[in-house]
Amino acid sequence: MEDLLTLYERPEDPERPLICFDERPCQLIGDVVTPLPFDPGKPIREDYHYKRNGVCSLFLAFDPHRRRRGIEVREHRTKRDYAEFMKTLAEEHYPDAQQIVLVQDNLNTHSPGSFYQAFSPKEAFALTQRFEMHYTPTHASWLNMAELELSALSKQCLDRRIPDMETLQREAAAWQEERNEKGATVSWQFTTEKARDKFNKHYPGITNQN
């Protein structure tokens, strides 16, 4: 916990950008009966019958200093999917960064080992050198800023039926562009000092000192 909070308190370093990464499954749901269009003062009216069109995964990377986020919709969330997303992040979005400081949770795919599942040993090793990986504690994924971004996306964009990956990608891209243009960010208030006070009883030894 303190490791992540210390990262959040550091000033921006263009050579070592801070990136928070998270992913979530998205259920694709279509209509059986065509919804009635909305009228002034009335929301769109949907029949309670719906069709399940499978599940896909939404990957999100968030740069709190630049106030930008990138989203990609993928059919699966395998080690290869993770590795390919990270390669794009490193080579296309941060090609000049010395190393990317990456915050993520402890899913089994979120490790340098995934790079070796997708690329040659030489390329995989080179990619591992581009990242400094930091993990949220077990049961504390809320310490990842990317989770807050996914929450905002869910409330503002995904709170309706989305029938297919193409529609999801289009809607997510529009949300991403609007939020990036506004320079929206996460106002992180939970500091190391506050953590030590709040979780005082969990620190071993002398707990009444900083």
N, C-alpha and C. Protein backbone atom coordinates (compact mmCIF):
# COMPACT_ATOMS: atom_id res chain seq x y z
N MET A 1 0.82 -1.20 0.00
CA MET A 1 0.00 0.00 0.00
C MET A 1 0.86 1.26 0.00
N GLU A 2 1.83 1.31 0.89
CA GLU A 2 2.68 2.50 0.97
C GLU A 2 3.51 2.67 -0.30
N ASP A 3 3.88 1.57 -0.91
CA ASP A 3 4.62 1.64 -2.18
C ASP A 3 3.80 2.40 -3.22
N LEU A 4 2.52 2.07 -3.37
CA LEU A 4 1.68 2.73 -4.36
C LEU A 4 1.42 4.18 -3.99
N LEU A 5 1.15 4.44 -2.72
CA LEU A 5 0.87 5.81 -2.30
C LEU A 5 2.09 6.70 -2.50
N THR A 6 3.27 6.15 -2.31
CA THR A 6 4.49 6.91 -2.55
C THR A 6 4.63 7.24 -4.03
N LEU A 7 4.26 6.32 -4.89
CA LEU A 7 4.29 6.58 -6.33
C LEU A 7 3.36 7.73 -6.69
N TYR A 8 2.17 7.73 -6.10
CA TYR A 8 1.19 8.77 -6.42
C TYR A 8 1.63 10.15 -5.94
N GLU A 9 2.49 10.18 -4.93
CA GLU A 9 2.94 11.46 -4.38
C GLU A 9 4.16 12.02 -5.12
N ARG A 10 4.76 11.24 -5.98
CA ARG A 10 5.92 11.72 -6.73
C ARG A 10 5.51 12.74 -7.78
N PRO A 11 6.37 13.71 -8.08
CA PRO A 11 6.09 14.64 -9.18
C PRO A 11 6.21 13.93 -10.52
N GLU A 12 5.66 14.51 -11.54
CA GLU A 12 5.71 13.91 -12.88
C GLU A 12 7.14 13.81 -13.38
N ASP A 13 7.46 12.69 -13.99
CA ASP A 13 8.77 12.46 -14.59
C ASP A 13 8.55 11.92 -16.00
N PRO A 14 8.73 12.75 -17.04
CA PRO A 14 8.47 12.32 -18.42
C PRO A 14 9.26 11.08 -18.83
N GLU A 15 10.42 10.87 -18.23
CA GLU A 15 11.23 9.71 -18.58
C GLU A 15 10.73 8.45 -17.88
N ARG A 16 9.93 8.62 -16.85
CA ARG A 16 9.38 7.48 -16.10
C ARG A 16 7.91 7.76 -15.80
N PRO A 17 7.06 7.76 -16.84
CA PRO A 17 5.65 8.08 -16.64
C PRO A 17 4.94 7.04 -15.78
N LEU A 18 4.01 7.51 -14.97
CA LEU A 18 3.20 6.65 -14.11
C LEU A 18 1.94 6.26 -14.87
N ILE A 19 1.71 4.96 -15.02
CA ILE A 19 0.54 4.47 -15.73
C ILE A 19 -0.20 3.47 -14.84
N CYS A 20 -1.50 3.67 -14.69
CA CYS A 20 -2.34 2.73 -13.94
C CYS A 20 -3.14 1.91 -14.95
N PHE A 21 -3.10 0.61 -14.80
CA PHE A 21 -3.76 -0.29 -15.75
C PHE A 21 -4.78 -1.17 -15.03
N ASP A 22 -5.91 -1.37 -15.71
CA ASP A 22 -6.92 -2.29 -15.18
C ASP A 22 -7.75 -2.82 -16.34
N GLU A 23 -8.51 -3.84 -16.08
CA GLU A 23 -9.36 -4.43 -17.10
C GLU A 23 -10.64 -4.93 -16.45
N ARG A 24 -11.68 -5.09 -17.27
CA ARG A 24 -12.94 -5.60 -16.75
C ARG A 24 -13.67 -6.34 -17.86
N PRO A 25 -14.43 -7.38 -17.51
CA PRO A 25 -15.24 -8.07 -18.51
C PRO A 25 -16.48 -7.24 -18.84
N CYS A 26 -16.94 -7.35 -20.06
CA CYS A 26 -18.16 -6.64 -20.48
C CYS A 26 -19.09 -7.64 -21.16
N GLN A 27 -20.28 -7.76 -20.64
CA GLN A 27 -21.27 -8.65 -21.23
C GLN A 27 -21.96 -7.93 -22.37
N LEU A 28 -22.03 -8.57 -23.51
CA LEU A 28 -22.68 -7.99 -24.68
C LEU A 28 -24.13 -8.45 -24.73
N ILE A 29 -25.04 -7.50 -24.74
CA ILE A 29 -26.47 -7.80 -24.66
C ILE A 29 -27.21 -7.06 -25.77
N GLY A 30 -27.96 -7.81 -26.56
CA GLY A 30 -28.76 -7.23 -27.63
C GLY A 30 -30.24 -7.27 -27.32
N ASP A 31 -30.99 -6.55 -28.11
CA ASP A 31 -32.44 -6.51 -27.94
C ASP A 31 -33.12 -7.59 -28.77
N VAL A 32 -34.17 -8.18 -28.23
CA VAL A 32 -35.01 -9.10 -28.97
C VAL A 32 -36.11 -8.32 -29.67
N VAL A 33 -36.62 -7.32 -28.98
CA VAL A 33 -37.64 -6.43 -29.53
C VAL A 33 -37.03 -5.04 -29.66
N THR A 34 -37.24 -4.40 -30.79
CA THR A 34 -36.67 -3.08 -31.02
C THR A 34 -37.20 -2.09 -29.97
N PRO A 35 -36.30 -1.40 -29.25
CA PRO A 35 -36.75 -0.45 -28.22
C PRO A 35 -37.54 0.72 -28.83
N LEU A 36 -38.44 1.26 -28.05
CA LEU A 36 -39.15 2.46 -28.47
C LEU A 36 -38.24 3.66 -28.25
N PRO A 37 -38.16 4.56 -29.22
CA PRO A 37 -37.27 5.73 -29.06
C PRO A 37 -37.75 6.62 -27.92
N PHE A 38 -36.79 7.36 -27.35
CA PHE A 38 -37.16 8.23 -26.23
C PHE A 38 -37.94 9.43 -26.73
N ASP A 39 -38.83 9.92 -25.88
CA ASP A 39 -39.57 11.15 -26.12
C ASP A 39 -39.09 12.19 -25.12
N PRO A 40 -39.33 13.47 -25.38
CA PRO A 40 -38.92 14.50 -24.41
C PRO A 40 -39.46 14.18 -23.02
N GLY A 41 -38.55 14.07 -22.08
CA GLY A 41 -38.93 13.79 -20.70
C GLY A 41 -39.09 12.31 -20.40
N LYS A 42 -38.90 11.45 -21.42
CA LYS A 42 -39.03 10.02 -21.21
C LYS A 42 -37.79 9.31 -21.74
N PRO A 43 -37.25 8.36 -20.99
CA PRO A 43 -36.08 7.62 -21.48
C PRO A 43 -36.47 6.61 -22.55
N ILE A 44 -35.48 6.05 -23.22
CA ILE A 44 -35.75 4.99 -24.18
C ILE A 44 -36.41 3.82 -23.46
N ARG A 45 -37.37 3.17 -24.10
CA ARG A 45 -38.13 2.10 -23.47
C ARG A 45 -37.75 0.76 -24.10
N GLU A 46 -37.19 -0.14 -23.25
CA GLU A 46 -36.72 -1.44 -23.72
C GLU A 46 -37.62 -2.55 -23.20
N ASP A 47 -37.79 -3.57 -24.03
CA ASP A 47 -38.50 -4.76 -23.60
C ASP A 47 -37.62 -5.54 -22.63
N TYR A 48 -38.22 -6.26 -21.69
CA TYR A 48 -37.41 -6.96 -20.70
C TYR A 48 -36.71 -8.18 -21.30
N HIS A 49 -37.14 -8.64 -22.48
CA HIS A 49 -36.43 -9.72 -23.15
C HIS A 49 -35.14 -9.18 -23.76
N TYR A 50 -34.09 -9.95 -23.66
CA TYR A 50 -32.82 -9.55 -24.26
C TYR A 50 -32.07 -10.80 -24.72
N LYS A 51 -31.03 -10.57 -25.52
CA LYS A 51 -30.24 -11.66 -26.06
C LYS A 51 -28.80 -11.53 -25.61
N ARG A 52 -28.23 -12.60 -25.07
CA ARG A 52 -26.83 -12.60 -24.65
C ARG A 52 -25.94 -12.86 -25.87
N ASN A 53 -25.01 -11.97 -26.09
CA ASN A 53 -24.13 -12.09 -27.25
C ASN A 53 -22.68 -12.37 -26.85
N GLY A 54 -22.50 -12.89 -25.66
CA GLY A 54 -21.16 -13.25 -25.23
C GLY A 54 -20.53 -12.20 -24.33
N VAL A 55 -19.24 -12.38 -24.09
CA VAL A 55 -18.49 -11.50 -23.19
C VAL A 55 -17.18 -11.13 -23.87
N CYS A 56 -16.74 -9.91 -23.64
CA CYS A 56 -15.43 -9.48 -24.11
C CYS A 56 -14.73 -8.77 -22.95
N SER A 57 -13.54 -8.25 -23.20
CA SER A 57 -12.78 -7.59 -22.14
C SER A 57 -12.40 -6.18 -22.58
N LEU A 58 -12.42 -5.29 -21.62
CA LEU A 58 -12.06 -3.90 -21.86
C LEU A 58 -10.80 -3.57 -21.07
N PHE A 59 -9.74 -3.15 -21.77
CA PHE A 59 -8.47 -2.80 -21.15
C PHE A 59 -8.35 -1.28 -21.09
N LEU A 60 -7.87 -0.77 -19.95
CA LEU A 60 -7.74 0.68 -19.79
C LEU A 60 -6.41 1.02 -19.14
N ALA A 61 -5.70 1.98 -19.72
CA ALA A 61 -4.48 2.53 -19.15
C ALA A 61 -4.70 4.00 -18.88
N PHE A 62 -4.32 4.45 -17.69
CA PHE A 62 -4.60 5.83 -17.26
C PHE A 62 -3.31 6.50 -16.81
N ASP A 63 -3.05 7.67 -17.38
CA ASP A 63 -1.88 8.49 -17.03
C ASP A 63 -2.38 9.68 -16.22
N PRO A 64 -2.27 9.64 -14.89
CA PRO A 64 -2.84 10.72 -14.06
C PRO A 64 -2.14 12.06 -14.24
N HIS A 65 -0.86 12.07 -14.59
CA HIS A 65 -0.16 13.34 -14.76
C HIS A 65 -0.52 14.03 -16.07
N ARG A 66 -0.63 13.27 -17.13
CA ARG A 66 -1.02 13.84 -18.41
C ARG A 66 -2.53 13.94 -18.56
N ARG A 67 -3.26 13.37 -17.62
CA ARG A 67 -4.73 13.39 -17.63
C ARG A 67 -5.27 12.75 -18.91
N ARG A 68 -4.71 11.63 -19.25
CA ARG A 68 -5.13 10.92 -20.45
C ARG A 68 -5.32 9.44 -20.14
N ARG A 69 -6.23 8.84 -20.91
CA ARG A 69 -6.47 7.42 -20.77
C ARG A 69 -6.62 6.81 -22.16
N GLY A 70 -6.27 5.53 -22.26
CA GLY A 70 -6.42 4.78 -23.51
C GLY A 70 -7.19 3.51 -23.25
N ILE A 71 -8.10 3.18 -24.16
CA ILE A 71 -8.99 2.03 -23.98
C ILE A 71 -8.90 1.13 -25.20
N GLU A 72 -8.95 -0.16 -24.95
CA GLU A 72 -8.98 -1.14 -26.04
C GLU A 72 -9.94 -2.26 -25.67
N VAL A 73 -10.77 -2.64 -26.62
CA VAL A 73 -11.70 -3.74 -26.41
C VAL A 73 -11.13 -4.98 -27.07
N ARG A 74 -11.06 -6.08 -26.32
CA ARG A 74 -10.52 -7.33 -26.83
C ARG A 74 -11.50 -8.47 -26.57
N GLU A 75 -11.40 -9.46 -27.43
CA GLU A 75 -12.32 -10.60 -27.31
C GLU A 75 -12.03 -11.41 -26.06
N HIS A 76 -10.74 -11.47 -25.68
CA HIS A 76 -10.35 -12.27 -24.52
C HIS A 76 -9.42 -11.45 -23.61
N ARG A 77 -9.06 -12.05 -22.47
CA ARG A 77 -8.12 -11.41 -21.56
C ARG A 77 -6.98 -12.40 -21.23
N THR A 78 -6.38 -12.95 -22.26
CA THR A 78 -5.32 -13.92 -22.10
C THR A 78 -3.99 -13.22 -21.85
N LYS A 79 -2.96 -14.02 -21.61
CA LYS A 79 -1.61 -13.47 -21.45
C LYS A 79 -1.17 -12.76 -22.72
N ARG A 80 -1.51 -13.29 -23.85
CA ARG A 80 -1.16 -12.65 -25.12
C ARG A 80 -1.85 -11.30 -25.26
N ASP A 81 -3.12 -11.23 -24.89
CA ASP A 81 -3.84 -9.95 -24.97
C ASP A 81 -3.16 -8.90 -24.10
N TYR A 82 -2.81 -9.29 -22.90
CA TYR A 82 -2.12 -8.38 -21.99
C TYR A 82 -0.79 -7.95 -22.57
N ALA A 83 -0.01 -8.90 -23.08
CA ALA A 83 1.31 -8.59 -23.62
C ALA A 83 1.22 -7.65 -24.82
N GLU A 84 0.27 -7.89 -25.69
CA GLU A 84 0.12 -7.04 -26.87
C GLU A 84 -0.32 -5.64 -26.49
N PHE A 85 -1.18 -5.53 -25.49
CA PHE A 85 -1.60 -4.21 -25.02
C PHE A 85 -0.41 -3.44 -24.46
N MET A 86 0.41 -4.11 -23.66
CA MET A 86 1.57 -3.45 -23.06
C MET A 86 2.61 -3.07 -24.11
N LYS A 87 2.77 -3.89 -25.13
CA LYS A 87 3.70 -3.55 -26.21
C LYS A 87 3.25 -2.28 -26.92
N THR A 88 1.96 -2.19 -27.21
CA THR A 88 1.42 -0.98 -27.84
C THR A 88 1.63 0.23 -26.95
N LEU A 89 1.39 0.06 -25.66
CA LEU A 89 1.58 1.16 -24.71
C LEU A 89 3.02 1.66 -24.73
N ALA A 90 3.97 0.73 -24.71
CA ALA A 90 5.38 1.10 -24.65
C ALA A 90 5.90 1.66 -25.96
N GLU A 91 5.53 1.05 -27.07
CA GLU A 91 6.13 1.41 -28.35
C GLU A 91 5.42 2.54 -29.08
N GLU A 92 4.11 2.65 -28.89
CA GLU A 92 3.36 3.66 -29.63
C GLU A 92 3.02 4.89 -28.79
N HIS A 93 2.73 4.69 -27.51
CA HIS A 93 2.30 5.82 -26.68
C HIS A 93 3.45 6.42 -25.86
N TYR A 94 4.43 5.60 -25.50
CA TYR A 94 5.56 6.10 -24.69
C TYR A 94 6.89 5.59 -25.25
N PRO A 95 7.14 5.84 -26.53
CA PRO A 95 8.36 5.30 -27.14
C PRO A 95 9.65 5.90 -26.59
N ASP A 96 9.57 7.11 -26.04
CA ASP A 96 10.78 7.79 -25.56
C ASP A 96 10.98 7.64 -24.05
N ALA A 97 10.05 6.97 -23.38
CA ALA A 97 10.17 6.81 -21.94
C ALA A 97 11.30 5.83 -21.61
N GLN A 98 12.08 6.18 -20.62
CA GLN A 98 13.14 5.27 -20.18
C GLN A 98 12.54 4.01 -19.59
N GLN A 99 11.50 4.18 -18.79
CA GLN A 99 10.79 3.06 -18.19
C GLN A 99 9.41 3.52 -17.76
N ILE A 100 8.43 2.66 -17.94
CA ILE A 100 7.05 2.96 -17.55
C ILE A 100 6.81 2.37 -16.17
N VAL A 101 6.39 3.22 -15.23
CA VAL A 101 6.06 2.78 -13.88
C VAL A 101 4.60 2.34 -13.90
N LEU A 102 4.37 1.05 -13.80
CA LEU A 102 3.05 0.47 -14.04
C LEU A 102 2.40 -0.02 -12.75
N VAL A 103 1.19 0.48 -12.48
CA VAL A 103 0.39 0.03 -11.34
C VAL A 103 -0.71 -0.87 -11.86
N GLN A 104 -0.86 -2.06 -11.26
CA GLN A 104 -1.87 -3.01 -11.70
C GLN A 104 -2.19 -3.97 -10.56
N ASP A 105 -3.23 -4.77 -10.76
CA ASP A 105 -3.59 -5.74 -9.72
C ASP A 105 -2.89 -7.07 -9.98
N ASN A 106 -3.25 -8.07 -9.19
CA ASN A 106 -2.49 -9.32 -9.17
C ASN A 106 -3.08 -10.44 -10.03
N LEU A 107 -3.75 -10.13 -11.10
CA LEU A 107 -4.24 -11.18 -11.99
C LEU A 107 -3.06 -12.00 -12.52
N ASN A 108 -3.31 -13.27 -12.78
CA ASN A 108 -2.21 -14.14 -13.20
C ASN A 108 -1.61 -13.74 -14.54
N THR A 109 -2.32 -12.97 -15.34
CA THR A 109 -1.79 -12.53 -16.63
C THR A 109 -0.91 -11.29 -16.51
N HIS A 110 -0.97 -10.60 -15.38
CA HIS A 110 -0.28 -9.33 -15.22
C HIS A 110 1.15 -9.51 -14.73
N SER A 111 1.98 -10.08 -15.57
CA SER A 111 3.37 -10.33 -15.17
C SER A 111 4.25 -10.33 -16.40
N PRO A 112 5.56 -10.13 -16.22
CA PRO A 112 6.49 -10.19 -17.36
C PRO A 112 6.45 -11.53 -18.07
N GLY A 113 6.06 -12.59 -17.36
CA GLY A 113 5.98 -13.90 -17.99
C GLY A 113 5.04 -13.93 -19.18
N SER A 114 4.04 -13.06 -19.17
CA SER A 114 3.10 -13.01 -20.29
C SER A 114 3.78 -12.59 -21.58
N PHE A 115 4.82 -11.76 -21.48
CA PHE A 115 5.53 -11.32 -22.68
C PHE A 115 6.17 -12.51 -23.40
N TYR A 116 6.62 -13.49 -22.62
CA TYR A 116 7.26 -14.67 -23.22
C TYR A 116 6.24 -15.61 -23.86
N GLN A 117 4.96 -15.46 -23.51
CA GLN A 117 3.91 -16.24 -24.14
C GLN A 117 3.55 -15.68 -25.51
N ALA A 118 3.88 -14.41 -25.73
CA ALA A 118 3.44 -13.73 -26.95
C ALA A 118 4.56 -13.44 -27.94
N PHE A 119 5.78 -13.26 -27.45
CA PHE A 119 6.87 -12.81 -28.31
C PHE A 119 8.09 -13.71 -28.16
N SER A 120 9.07 -13.49 -29.03
CA SER A 120 10.32 -14.23 -28.94
C SER A 120 11.03 -13.87 -27.63
N PRO A 121 11.91 -14.73 -27.12
CA PRO A 121 12.62 -14.42 -25.88
C PRO A 121 13.35 -13.07 -25.93
N LYS A 122 13.96 -12.76 -27.04
CA LYS A 122 14.69 -11.50 -27.16
C LYS A 122 13.75 -10.30 -27.04
N GLU A 123 12.63 -10.35 -27.77
CA GLU A 123 11.67 -9.25 -27.72
C GLU A 123 10.99 -9.18 -26.36
N ALA A 124 10.68 -10.34 -25.79
CA ALA A 124 10.01 -10.36 -24.49
C ALA A 124 10.90 -9.76 -23.42
N PHE A 125 12.18 -10.12 -23.42
CA PHE A 125 13.09 -9.57 -22.41
C PHE A 125 13.24 -8.06 -22.58
N ALA A 126 13.35 -7.59 -23.82
CA ALA A 126 13.46 -6.15 -24.06
C ALA A 126 12.22 -5.43 -23.54
N LEU A 127 11.06 -6.05 -23.69
CA LEU A 127 9.82 -5.43 -23.22
C LEU A 127 9.76 -5.39 -21.69
N THR A 128 10.26 -6.44 -21.04
CA THR A 128 10.25 -6.43 -19.58
C THR A 128 11.07 -5.27 -19.02
N GLN A 129 12.11 -4.86 -19.76
CA GLN A 129 12.97 -3.78 -19.30
C GLN A 129 12.30 -2.42 -19.42
N ARG A 130 11.21 -2.36 -20.16
CA ARG A 130 10.49 -1.10 -20.34
C ARG A 130 9.52 -0.81 -19.20
N PHE A 131 9.30 -1.79 -18.33
CA PHE A 131 8.31 -1.62 -17.27
C PHE A 131 8.89 -1.85 -15.89
N GLU A 132 8.45 -1.02 -14.96
CA GLU A 132 8.69 -1.23 -13.53
C GLU A 132 7.31 -1.51 -12.93
N MET A 133 7.05 -2.75 -12.57
CA MET A 133 5.70 -3.16 -12.20
C MET A 133 5.47 -3.09 -10.70
N HIS A 134 4.34 -2.49 -10.33
CA HIS A 134 3.91 -2.39 -8.94
C HIS A 134 2.50 -2.96 -8.84
N TYR A 135 2.22 -3.69 -7.76
CA TYR A 135 0.95 -4.39 -7.64
C TYR A 135 0.15 -3.90 -6.43
N THR A 136 -1.17 -3.85 -6.60
CA THR A 136 -2.03 -3.53 -5.47
C THR A 136 -2.05 -4.71 -4.51
N PRO A 137 -2.22 -4.44 -3.21
CA PRO A 137 -2.32 -5.55 -2.24
C PRO A 137 -3.57 -6.39 -2.51
N THR A 138 -3.56 -7.61 -2.05
CA THR A 138 -4.73 -8.47 -2.16
C THR A 138 -5.94 -7.81 -1.49
N HIS A 139 -7.07 -7.83 -2.17
CA HIS A 139 -8.33 -7.23 -1.68
C HIS A 139 -8.23 -5.70 -1.57
N ALA A 140 -7.29 -5.09 -2.27
CA ALA A 140 -7.17 -3.62 -2.21
C ALA A 140 -6.97 -3.04 -3.60
N SER A 141 -7.72 -3.56 -4.57
CA SER A 141 -7.60 -3.04 -5.92
C SER A 141 -8.08 -1.59 -6.03
N TRP A 142 -8.79 -1.11 -4.99
CA TRP A 142 -9.25 0.28 -4.98
C TRP A 142 -8.08 1.26 -4.93
N LEU A 143 -6.88 0.76 -4.63
CA LEU A 143 -5.70 1.61 -4.63
C LEU A 143 -5.20 1.90 -6.05
N ASN A 144 -5.81 1.30 -7.02
CA ASN A 144 -5.44 1.52 -8.42
C ASN A 144 -6.35 2.59 -9.02
N MET A 145 -5.76 3.70 -9.46
CA MET A 145 -6.56 4.79 -10.04
C MET A 145 -7.34 4.34 -11.27
N ALA A 146 -6.81 3.36 -12.00
CA ALA A 146 -7.50 2.89 -13.20
C ALA A 146 -8.86 2.30 -12.86
N GLU A 147 -9.01 1.75 -11.65
CA GLU A 147 -10.30 1.20 -11.25
C GLU A 147 -11.34 2.32 -11.13
N LEU A 148 -10.93 3.49 -10.70
CA LEU A 148 -11.85 4.63 -10.63
C LEU A 148 -12.25 5.09 -12.03
N GLU A 149 -11.31 5.03 -12.96
CA GLU A 149 -11.64 5.38 -14.34
C GLU A 149 -12.63 4.39 -14.93
N LEU A 150 -12.44 3.11 -14.66
CA LEU A 150 -13.39 2.12 -15.16
C LEU A 150 -14.76 2.30 -14.53
N SER A 151 -14.79 2.72 -13.28
CA SER A 151 -16.07 2.99 -12.63
C SER A 151 -16.79 4.14 -13.32
N ALA A 152 -16.04 5.20 -13.66
CA ALA A 152 -16.63 6.33 -14.36
C ALA A 152 -17.13 5.90 -15.74
N LEU A 153 -16.36 5.08 -16.42
CA LEU A 153 -16.77 4.58 -17.73
C LEU A 153 -18.06 3.77 -17.63
N SER A 154 -18.14 2.92 -16.61
CA SER A 154 -19.33 2.09 -16.44
C SER A 154 -20.58 2.93 -16.22
N LYS A 155 -20.45 3.98 -15.41
CA LYS A 155 -21.61 4.81 -15.07
C LYS A 155 -22.01 5.72 -16.23
N GLN A 156 -21.04 6.20 -16.99
CA GLN A 156 -21.30 7.20 -18.01
C GLN A 156 -21.51 6.63 -19.40
N CYS A 157 -21.08 5.39 -19.60
CA CYS A 157 -21.10 4.85 -20.96
C CYS A 157 -21.68 3.45 -21.08
N LEU A 158 -21.51 2.62 -20.07
CA LEU A 158 -21.86 1.21 -20.19
C LEU A 158 -23.13 0.84 -19.45
N ASP A 159 -23.90 1.83 -19.03
CA ASP A 159 -25.10 1.56 -18.25
C ASP A 159 -26.32 1.31 -19.14
N ARG A 160 -26.11 0.60 -20.22
CA ARG A 160 -27.19 0.28 -21.16
C ARG A 160 -26.80 -0.97 -21.93
N ARG A 161 -27.69 -1.46 -22.75
CA ARG A 161 -27.41 -2.65 -23.53
C ARG A 161 -26.47 -2.31 -24.70
N ILE A 162 -25.40 -3.08 -24.79
CA ILE A 162 -24.45 -2.93 -25.90
C ILE A 162 -24.34 -4.29 -26.57
N PRO A 163 -24.72 -4.39 -27.87
CA PRO A 163 -24.89 -5.71 -28.48
C PRO A 163 -23.63 -6.38 -28.99
N ASP A 164 -22.57 -5.61 -29.31
CA ASP A 164 -21.41 -6.24 -29.94
C ASP A 164 -20.15 -5.44 -29.63
N MET A 165 -18.99 -6.05 -29.95
CA MET A 165 -17.70 -5.43 -29.66
C MET A 165 -17.49 -4.14 -30.43
N GLU A 166 -17.99 -4.09 -31.67
CA GLU A 166 -17.81 -2.90 -32.49
C GLU A 166 -18.50 -1.69 -31.85
N THR A 167 -19.71 -1.92 -31.36
CA THR A 167 -20.44 -0.83 -30.70
C THR A 167 -19.75 -0.43 -29.41
N LEU A 168 -19.28 -1.41 -28.66
CA LEU A 168 -18.58 -1.12 -27.41
C LEU A 168 -17.31 -0.32 -27.68
N GLN A 169 -16.54 -0.71 -28.69
CA GLN A 169 -15.31 0.01 -29.03
C GLN A 169 -15.62 1.44 -29.44
N ARG A 170 -16.65 1.63 -30.22
CA ARG A 170 -17.03 2.97 -30.67
C ARG A 170 -17.47 3.84 -29.50
N GLU A 171 -18.30 3.29 -28.63
CA GLU A 171 -18.79 4.06 -27.49
C GLU A 171 -17.66 4.38 -26.51
N ALA A 172 -16.80 3.40 -26.26
CA ALA A 172 -15.69 3.61 -25.33
C ALA A 172 -14.70 4.63 -25.88
N ALA A 173 -14.47 4.59 -27.20
CA ALA A 173 -13.55 5.54 -27.83
C ALA A 173 -14.10 6.96 -27.74
N ALA A 174 -15.40 7.12 -27.90
CA ALA A 174 -16.01 8.44 -27.79
C ALA A 174 -15.90 8.97 -26.37
N TRP A 175 -16.14 8.09 -25.39
CA TRP A 175 -16.00 8.48 -23.98
C TRP A 175 -14.56 8.88 -23.68
N GLN A 176 -13.61 8.09 -24.17
CA GLN A 176 -12.19 8.37 -23.97
C GLN A 176 -11.80 9.72 -24.55
N GLU A 177 -12.23 9.99 -25.78
CA GLU A 177 -11.87 11.25 -26.43
C GLU A 177 -12.44 12.45 -25.67
N GLU A 178 -13.69 12.35 -25.27
CA GLU A 178 -14.32 13.47 -24.54
C GLU A 178 -13.62 13.71 -23.21
N ARG A 179 -13.31 12.64 -22.49
CA ARG A 179 -12.69 12.78 -21.18
C ARG A 179 -11.25 13.30 -21.31
N ASN A 180 -10.54 12.87 -22.35
CA ASN A 180 -9.20 13.38 -22.58
C ASN A 180 -9.21 14.85 -22.94
N GLU A 181 -10.16 15.26 -23.77
CA GLU A 181 -10.25 16.66 -24.17
C GLU A 181 -10.54 17.55 -22.97
N LYS A 182 -11.34 17.06 -22.04
CA LYS A 182 -11.66 17.83 -20.84
C LYS A 182 -10.51 17.84 -19.83
N GLY A 183 -9.55 16.96 -20.03
CA GLY A 183 -8.46 16.85 -19.05
C GLY A 183 -8.92 16.30 -17.73
N ALA A 184 -9.91 15.42 -17.77
CA ALA A 184 -10.44 14.83 -16.53
C ALA A 184 -9.37 13.97 -15.88
N THR A 185 -9.33 14.00 -14.57
CA THR A 185 -8.36 13.19 -13.85
C THR A 185 -8.95 12.70 -12.53
N VAL A 186 -8.14 12.01 -11.77
CA VAL A 186 -8.56 11.49 -10.46
C VAL A 186 -7.96 12.39 -9.39
N SER A 187 -8.81 12.92 -8.54
CA SER A 187 -8.33 13.75 -7.43
C SER A 187 -8.02 12.83 -6.25
N TRP A 188 -6.79 12.34 -6.23
CA TRP A 188 -6.40 11.35 -5.23
C TRP A 188 -6.06 12.04 -3.91
N GLN A 189 -6.76 11.67 -2.83
CA GLN A 189 -6.60 12.32 -1.54
C GLN A 189 -5.96 11.44 -0.48
N PHE A 190 -5.87 10.13 -0.76
CA PHE A 190 -5.40 9.19 0.25
C PHE A 190 -3.88 9.12 0.22
N THR A 191 -3.22 9.73 1.19
CA THR A 191 -1.77 9.81 1.25
C THR A 191 -1.20 8.75 2.19
N THR A 192 0.12 8.62 2.18
CA THR A 192 0.79 7.69 3.09
C THR A 192 0.52 8.07 4.54
N GLU A 193 0.55 9.36 4.83
CA GLU A 193 0.29 9.82 6.20
C GLU A 193 -1.11 9.44 6.65
N LYS A 194 -2.09 9.62 5.77
CA LYS A 194 -3.46 9.27 6.11
C LYS A 194 -3.61 7.75 6.27
N ALA A 195 -2.89 7.00 5.45
CA ALA A 195 -2.96 5.54 5.54
C ALA A 195 -2.43 5.05 6.87
N ARG A 196 -1.32 5.62 7.31
CA ARG A 196 -0.73 5.20 8.59
C ARG A 196 -1.65 5.52 9.76
N ASP A 197 -2.37 6.60 9.63
CA ASP A 197 -3.32 6.97 10.69
C ASP A 197 -4.54 6.05 10.66
N LYS A 198 -5.08 5.81 9.46
CA LYS A 198 -6.31 5.02 9.34
C LYS A 198 -6.07 3.55 9.69
N PHE A 199 -4.93 3.02 9.28
CA PHE A 199 -4.64 1.60 9.50
C PHE A 199 -3.60 1.39 10.60
N ASN A 200 -3.60 2.28 11.55
CA ASN A 200 -2.61 2.26 12.62
C ASN A 200 -2.51 0.90 13.31
N LYS A 201 -3.64 0.28 13.55
CA LYS A 201 -3.64 -0.98 14.32
C LYS A 201 -3.01 -2.13 13.55
N HIS A 202 -2.88 -1.98 12.23
CA HIS A 202 -2.33 -3.05 11.42
C HIS A 202 -0.80 -2.98 11.31
N TYR A 203 -0.21 -1.87 11.76
CA TYR A 203 1.25 -1.77 11.71
C TYR A 203 1.84 -2.49 12.91
N PRO A 204 2.84 -3.32 12.69
CA PRO A 204 3.45 -4.06 13.81
C PRO A 204 4.33 -3.17 14.66
N GLY A 205 4.67 -3.65 15.85
CA GLY A 205 5.61 -2.92 16.71
C GLY A 205 4.96 -1.70 17.33
N ILE A 206 5.71 -0.64 17.43
CA ILE A 206 5.26 0.60 18.05
C ILE A 206 4.37 1.33 17.06
N THR A 207 3.06 1.34 17.29
CA THR A 207 2.12 1.89 16.33
C THR A 207 1.73 3.31 16.60
N ASN A 208 2.27 3.90 17.64
CA ASN A 208 1.89 5.29 17.93
C ASN A 208 2.92 6.27 17.42
N GLN A 209 3.83 5.81 16.57
CA GLN A 209 4.81 6.69 15.97
C GLN A 209 4.67 6.64 14.46
N ASN A 210 5.05 7.72 13.77
CA ASN A 210 5.00 7.77 12.31
C ASN A 210 6.13 6.94 11.74
